[in-house]
């Protein structure tokens, strides 16, 4: 039974130490962002939105979901030229 109390005490000390570390990190973040004004925040928000659009465009391009850069008439013309090519049939 004494081991259970020691394990509980150890867990409590570990939890307290982790909460002190978390408080220190939060304090560091608050000090680092204390001089941030609304204009800077708005600029950062706009930059993040621009980066998001760029990432979405790149992902769509990589996935093939963007509009074709070749005009529709050129695609139809290539398809018609391809149909004019005689097919080679192999005898079996």
N, C-alpha and C. Protein backbone atom coordinates (compact mmCIF):
# COMPACT_ATOMS: atom_id res chain seq x y z
N UNK A 1 0.82 -1.19 0.00
CA UNK A 1 0.00 0.00 0.00
C UNK A 1 0.87 1.25 0.00
N UNK A 2 2.05 1.13 0.58
CA UNK A 2 2.93 2.29 0.65
C UNK A 2 3.43 2.68 -0.75
N UNK A 3 3.56 1.68 -1.64
CA UNK A 3 3.99 1.97 -3.00
C UNK A 3 2.97 2.82 -3.76
N UNK A 4 1.72 2.58 -3.50
CA UNK A 4 0.66 3.34 -4.16
C UNK A 4 0.75 4.81 -3.76
N UNK A 5 0.99 5.05 -2.47
CA UNK A 5 1.12 6.44 -2.01
C UNK A 5 2.34 7.12 -2.62
N UNK A 6 3.45 6.38 -2.75
CA UNK A 6 4.65 6.95 -3.34
C UNK A 6 4.45 7.25 -4.83
N UNK A 7 3.77 6.36 -5.52
CA UNK A 7 3.48 6.58 -6.94
C UNK A 7 2.57 7.80 -7.10
N UNK A 8 1.57 7.93 -6.24
CA UNK A 8 0.66 9.08 -6.30
C UNK A 8 1.42 10.37 -6.01
N UNK A 9 2.31 10.33 -5.04
CA UNK A 9 3.11 11.51 -4.71
C UNK A 9 4.02 11.88 -5.88
N UNK A 10 4.63 10.90 -6.50
CA UNK A 10 5.49 11.15 -7.66
C UNK A 10 4.73 11.75 -8.82
N UNK A 11 3.53 11.23 -9.08
CA UNK A 11 2.69 11.77 -10.16
C UNK A 11 2.27 13.20 -9.85
N UNK A 12 1.96 13.47 -8.60
CA UNK A 12 1.56 14.83 -8.21
C UNK A 12 2.72 15.81 -8.41
N UNK A 13 3.91 15.40 -8.02
CA UNK A 13 5.08 16.26 -8.19
C UNK A 13 5.36 16.49 -9.68
N UNK A 14 5.24 15.44 -10.48
CA UNK A 14 5.45 15.58 -11.92
C UNK A 14 4.41 16.51 -12.53
N UNK A 15 3.16 16.39 -12.14
CA UNK A 15 2.11 17.26 -12.66
C UNK A 15 2.36 18.71 -12.26
N UNK A 16 2.81 18.93 -11.03
CA UNK A 16 3.11 20.29 -10.57
C UNK A 16 4.28 20.87 -11.36
N UNK A 17 5.30 20.07 -11.62
CA UNK A 17 6.45 20.55 -12.41
C UNK A 17 6.03 20.89 -13.83
N UNK A 18 5.20 20.05 -14.42
CA UNK A 18 4.73 20.33 -15.78
C UNK A 18 3.86 21.59 -15.82
N UNK A 19 3.08 21.82 -14.79
CA UNK A 19 2.26 23.05 -14.78
C UNK A 19 3.14 24.28 -14.62
N UNK A 20 4.23 24.18 -13.86
CA UNK A 20 5.17 25.31 -13.76
C UNK A 20 5.84 25.59 -15.10
N UNK A 21 6.20 24.55 -15.83
CA UNK A 21 6.80 24.72 -17.16
C UNK A 21 5.79 25.38 -18.10
N UNK A 22 4.54 24.94 -18.04
CA UNK A 22 3.50 25.53 -18.90
C UNK A 22 3.29 27.00 -18.56
N UNK A 23 3.27 27.34 -17.28
CA UNK A 23 3.12 28.75 -16.88
C UNK A 23 4.28 29.59 -17.37
N UNK A 24 5.48 29.05 -17.32
CA UNK A 24 6.65 29.78 -17.80
C UNK A 24 6.56 30.02 -19.31
N UNK A 25 6.11 29.02 -20.05
CA UNK A 25 5.97 29.19 -21.49
C UNK A 25 4.89 30.21 -21.84
N UNK A 26 3.79 30.20 -21.11
CA UNK A 26 2.72 31.17 -21.34
C UNK A 26 3.21 32.58 -21.02
N UNK A 27 3.96 32.73 -19.94
CA UNK A 27 4.52 34.03 -19.59
C UNK A 27 5.48 34.54 -20.65
N UNK A 28 6.29 33.66 -21.19
CA UNK A 28 7.22 34.03 -22.26
C UNK A 28 6.45 34.48 -23.50
N UNK A 29 5.37 33.77 -23.84
CA UNK A 29 4.56 34.15 -25.00
C UNK A 29 3.90 35.50 -24.79
N UNK A 30 3.37 35.75 -23.60
CA UNK A 30 2.70 37.03 -23.31
C UNK A 30 3.70 38.18 -23.41
N UNK A 31 4.91 37.98 -22.88
CA UNK A 31 5.93 39.03 -22.97
C UNK A 31 6.35 39.28 -24.41
N UNK A 32 6.43 38.22 -25.20
CA UNK A 32 6.85 38.37 -26.60
C UNK A 32 5.80 39.08 -27.44
N UNK A 33 4.53 38.93 -27.10
CA UNK A 33 3.46 39.53 -27.91
C UNK A 33 2.84 40.75 -27.24
N UNK A 34 3.49 41.29 -26.22
CA UNK A 34 2.91 42.43 -25.50
C UNK A 34 2.85 43.68 -26.36
N UNK A 35 3.83 43.88 -27.25
CA UNK A 35 3.85 45.10 -28.05
C UNK A 35 3.19 44.93 -29.41
N UNK A 36 2.50 43.86 -29.63
CA UNK A 36 1.80 43.64 -30.89
C UNK A 36 0.51 44.45 -30.90
N UNK A 37 0.37 45.31 -31.92
CA UNK A 37 -0.84 46.13 -32.03
C UNK A 37 -1.79 45.51 -33.04
N UNK A 38 -2.95 46.11 -33.20
CA UNK A 38 -3.97 45.55 -34.09
C UNK A 38 -3.56 45.62 -35.55
N UNK A 39 -2.79 46.62 -35.93
CA UNK A 39 -2.35 46.72 -37.33
C UNK A 39 -1.42 45.57 -37.69
N UNK A 40 -0.50 45.25 -36.80
CA UNK A 40 0.39 44.12 -37.03
C UNK A 40 -0.39 42.82 -37.09
N UNK A 41 -1.35 42.68 -36.22
CA UNK A 41 -2.19 41.49 -36.22
C UNK A 41 -2.99 41.36 -37.52
N UNK A 42 -3.50 42.49 -38.01
CA UNK A 42 -4.24 42.47 -39.28
C UNK A 42 -3.33 42.11 -40.44
N UNK A 43 -2.10 42.63 -40.43
CA UNK A 43 -1.14 42.27 -41.49
C UNK A 43 -0.80 40.79 -41.45
N UNK A 44 -0.62 40.26 -40.26
CA UNK A 44 -0.32 38.84 -40.14
C UNK A 44 -1.50 37.99 -40.63
N UNK A 45 -2.71 38.43 -40.31
CA UNK A 45 -3.90 37.69 -40.76
C UNK A 45 -3.98 37.68 -42.28
N UNK A 46 -3.70 38.85 -42.90
CA UNK A 46 -3.72 38.92 -44.36
C UNK A 46 -2.65 38.05 -44.98
N UNK A 47 -1.46 38.04 -44.38
CA UNK A 47 -0.39 37.19 -44.89
C UNK A 47 -0.74 35.71 -44.79
N UNK A 48 -1.37 35.34 -43.71
CA UNK A 48 -1.77 33.94 -43.54
C UNK A 48 -2.83 33.56 -44.57
N UNK A 49 -3.76 34.48 -44.85
CA UNK A 49 -4.78 34.19 -45.86
C UNK A 49 -4.15 34.03 -47.24
N UNK A 50 -3.17 34.88 -47.56
CA UNK A 50 -2.48 34.76 -48.85
C UNK A 50 -1.73 33.44 -48.95
N UNK A 51 -1.06 33.04 -47.87
CA UNK A 51 -0.37 31.75 -47.88
C UNK A 51 -1.33 30.59 -48.03
N UNK A 52 -2.50 30.70 -47.41
CA UNK A 52 -3.51 29.64 -47.51
C UNK A 52 -3.99 29.51 -48.95
N UNK A 53 -4.26 30.65 -49.60
CA UNK A 53 -4.69 30.58 -51.01
C UNK A 53 -3.61 29.99 -51.89
N UNK A 54 -2.36 30.36 -51.64
CA UNK A 54 -1.25 29.81 -52.43
C UNK A 54 -1.15 28.30 -52.24
N UNK A 55 -1.27 27.84 -51.01
CA UNK A 55 -1.21 26.40 -50.74
C UNK A 55 -2.37 25.65 -51.40
N UNK A 56 -3.56 26.23 -51.34
CA UNK A 56 -4.71 25.58 -51.97
C UNK A 56 -4.53 25.52 -53.48
N UNK A 57 -4.02 26.59 -54.08
CA UNK A 57 -3.78 26.59 -55.53
C UNK A 57 -2.75 25.53 -55.91
N UNK A 58 -1.69 25.45 -55.13
CA UNK A 58 -0.66 24.45 -55.40
C UNK A 58 -1.20 23.04 -55.24
N UNK A 59 -1.97 22.80 -54.19
CA UNK A 59 -2.56 21.47 -53.99
C UNK A 59 -3.51 21.11 -55.12
N UNK A 60 -4.32 22.08 -55.56
CA UNK A 60 -5.23 21.81 -56.67
C UNK A 60 -4.46 21.52 -57.95
N UNK A 61 -3.37 22.24 -58.15
CA UNK A 61 -2.56 22.00 -59.34
C UNK A 61 -1.95 20.61 -59.29
N UNK A 62 -1.45 20.23 -58.12
CA UNK A 62 -0.84 18.91 -57.98
C UNK A 62 -1.87 17.80 -58.12
N UNK A 63 -3.09 18.04 -57.69
CA UNK A 63 -4.14 17.04 -57.78
C UNK A 63 -4.85 17.05 -59.13
N UNK A 64 -4.52 18.01 -59.99
CA UNK A 64 -5.12 18.07 -61.31
C UNK A 64 -6.52 18.64 -61.32
N UNK A 65 -6.88 19.44 -60.32
CA UNK A 65 -8.23 19.97 -60.25
C UNK A 65 -8.34 21.38 -60.83
N UNK A 66 -7.23 21.94 -61.31
CA UNK A 66 -7.30 23.29 -61.84
C UNK A 66 -7.77 23.26 -63.30
N UNK A 67 -8.12 24.42 -63.80
CA UNK A 67 -8.61 24.50 -65.17
C UNK A 67 -7.47 24.22 -66.14
N UNK A 68 -7.79 23.61 -67.24
CA UNK A 68 -6.78 23.29 -68.23
C UNK A 68 -6.26 24.58 -68.87
N UNK A 69 -4.95 24.61 -69.09
CA UNK A 69 -4.36 25.80 -69.70
C UNK A 69 -4.45 25.74 -71.22
N UNK A 70 -4.78 24.58 -71.77
CA UNK A 70 -4.93 24.42 -73.21
C UNK A 70 -6.36 24.77 -73.59
N UNK A 71 -6.55 25.63 -74.60
CA UNK A 71 -7.92 26.00 -75.00
C UNK A 71 -8.72 24.79 -75.48
N UNK A 72 -10.02 24.89 -75.35
CA UNK A 72 -10.91 23.79 -75.71
C UNK A 72 -10.82 23.45 -77.19
N UNK A 73 -10.67 24.47 -78.04
CA UNK A 73 -10.59 24.22 -79.49
C UNK A 73 -9.36 23.39 -79.83
N UNK A 74 -8.26 23.67 -79.17
CA UNK A 74 -7.04 22.92 -79.45
C UNK A 74 -7.19 21.47 -79.01
N UNK A 75 -7.87 21.22 -77.91
CA UNK A 75 -8.10 19.84 -77.46
C UNK A 75 -8.96 19.09 -78.47
N UNK A 76 -10.01 19.74 -78.97
CA UNK A 76 -10.88 19.10 -79.97
C UNK A 76 -10.12 18.82 -81.25
N UNK A 77 -9.28 19.76 -81.67
CA UNK A 77 -8.49 19.57 -82.89
C UNK A 77 -7.54 18.39 -82.73
N UNK A 78 -6.87 18.28 -81.61
CA UNK A 78 -5.96 17.16 -81.38
C UNK A 78 -6.72 15.84 -81.34
N UNK A 79 -7.94 15.86 -80.78
CA UNK A 79 -8.73 14.64 -80.73
C UNK A 79 -9.14 14.21 -82.14
N UNK A 80 -9.53 15.18 -83.00
CA UNK A 80 -9.90 14.85 -84.37
C UNK A 80 -8.70 14.32 -85.15
N UNK A 81 -7.52 14.92 -84.95
CA UNK A 81 -6.32 14.43 -85.62
C UNK A 81 -5.98 13.02 -85.17
N UNK A 82 -6.19 12.74 -83.93
CA UNK A 82 -5.90 11.41 -83.40
C UNK A 82 -6.86 10.38 -83.98
N UNK A 83 -8.10 10.77 -84.23
CA UNK A 83 -9.07 9.84 -84.80
C UNK A 83 -8.74 9.53 -86.26
N UNK A 84 -8.07 10.47 -86.94
CA UNK A 84 -7.72 10.25 -88.35
C UNK A 84 -6.57 9.25 -88.52
N UNK A 85 -5.82 9.01 -87.49
CA UNK A 85 -4.71 8.06 -87.57
C UNK A 85 -5.30 6.65 -87.64
N UNK A 86 -4.81 5.88 -88.61
CA UNK A 86 -5.34 4.52 -88.76
C UNK A 86 -4.81 3.63 -87.66
N UNK A 87 -5.68 2.81 -87.17
CA UNK A 87 -5.31 1.89 -86.12
C UNK A 87 -4.65 0.66 -86.72
N UNK A 88 -3.61 0.18 -86.06
CA UNK A 88 -2.92 -1.02 -86.51
C UNK A 88 -3.54 -2.23 -85.82
N UNK A 89 -4.03 -3.16 -86.64
CA UNK A 89 -4.63 -4.38 -86.09
C UNK A 89 -3.67 -5.53 -86.31
N UNK A 90 -3.43 -6.27 -85.27
CA UNK A 90 -2.56 -7.42 -85.37
C UNK A 90 -3.41 -8.67 -85.56
N UNK A 91 -3.01 -9.45 -86.48
CA UNK A 91 -3.72 -10.70 -86.74
C UNK A 91 -3.38 -11.74 -85.69
N UNK A 92 -4.31 -12.63 -85.42
CA UNK A 92 -4.03 -13.60 -84.39
C UNK A 92 -4.46 -14.95 -84.69
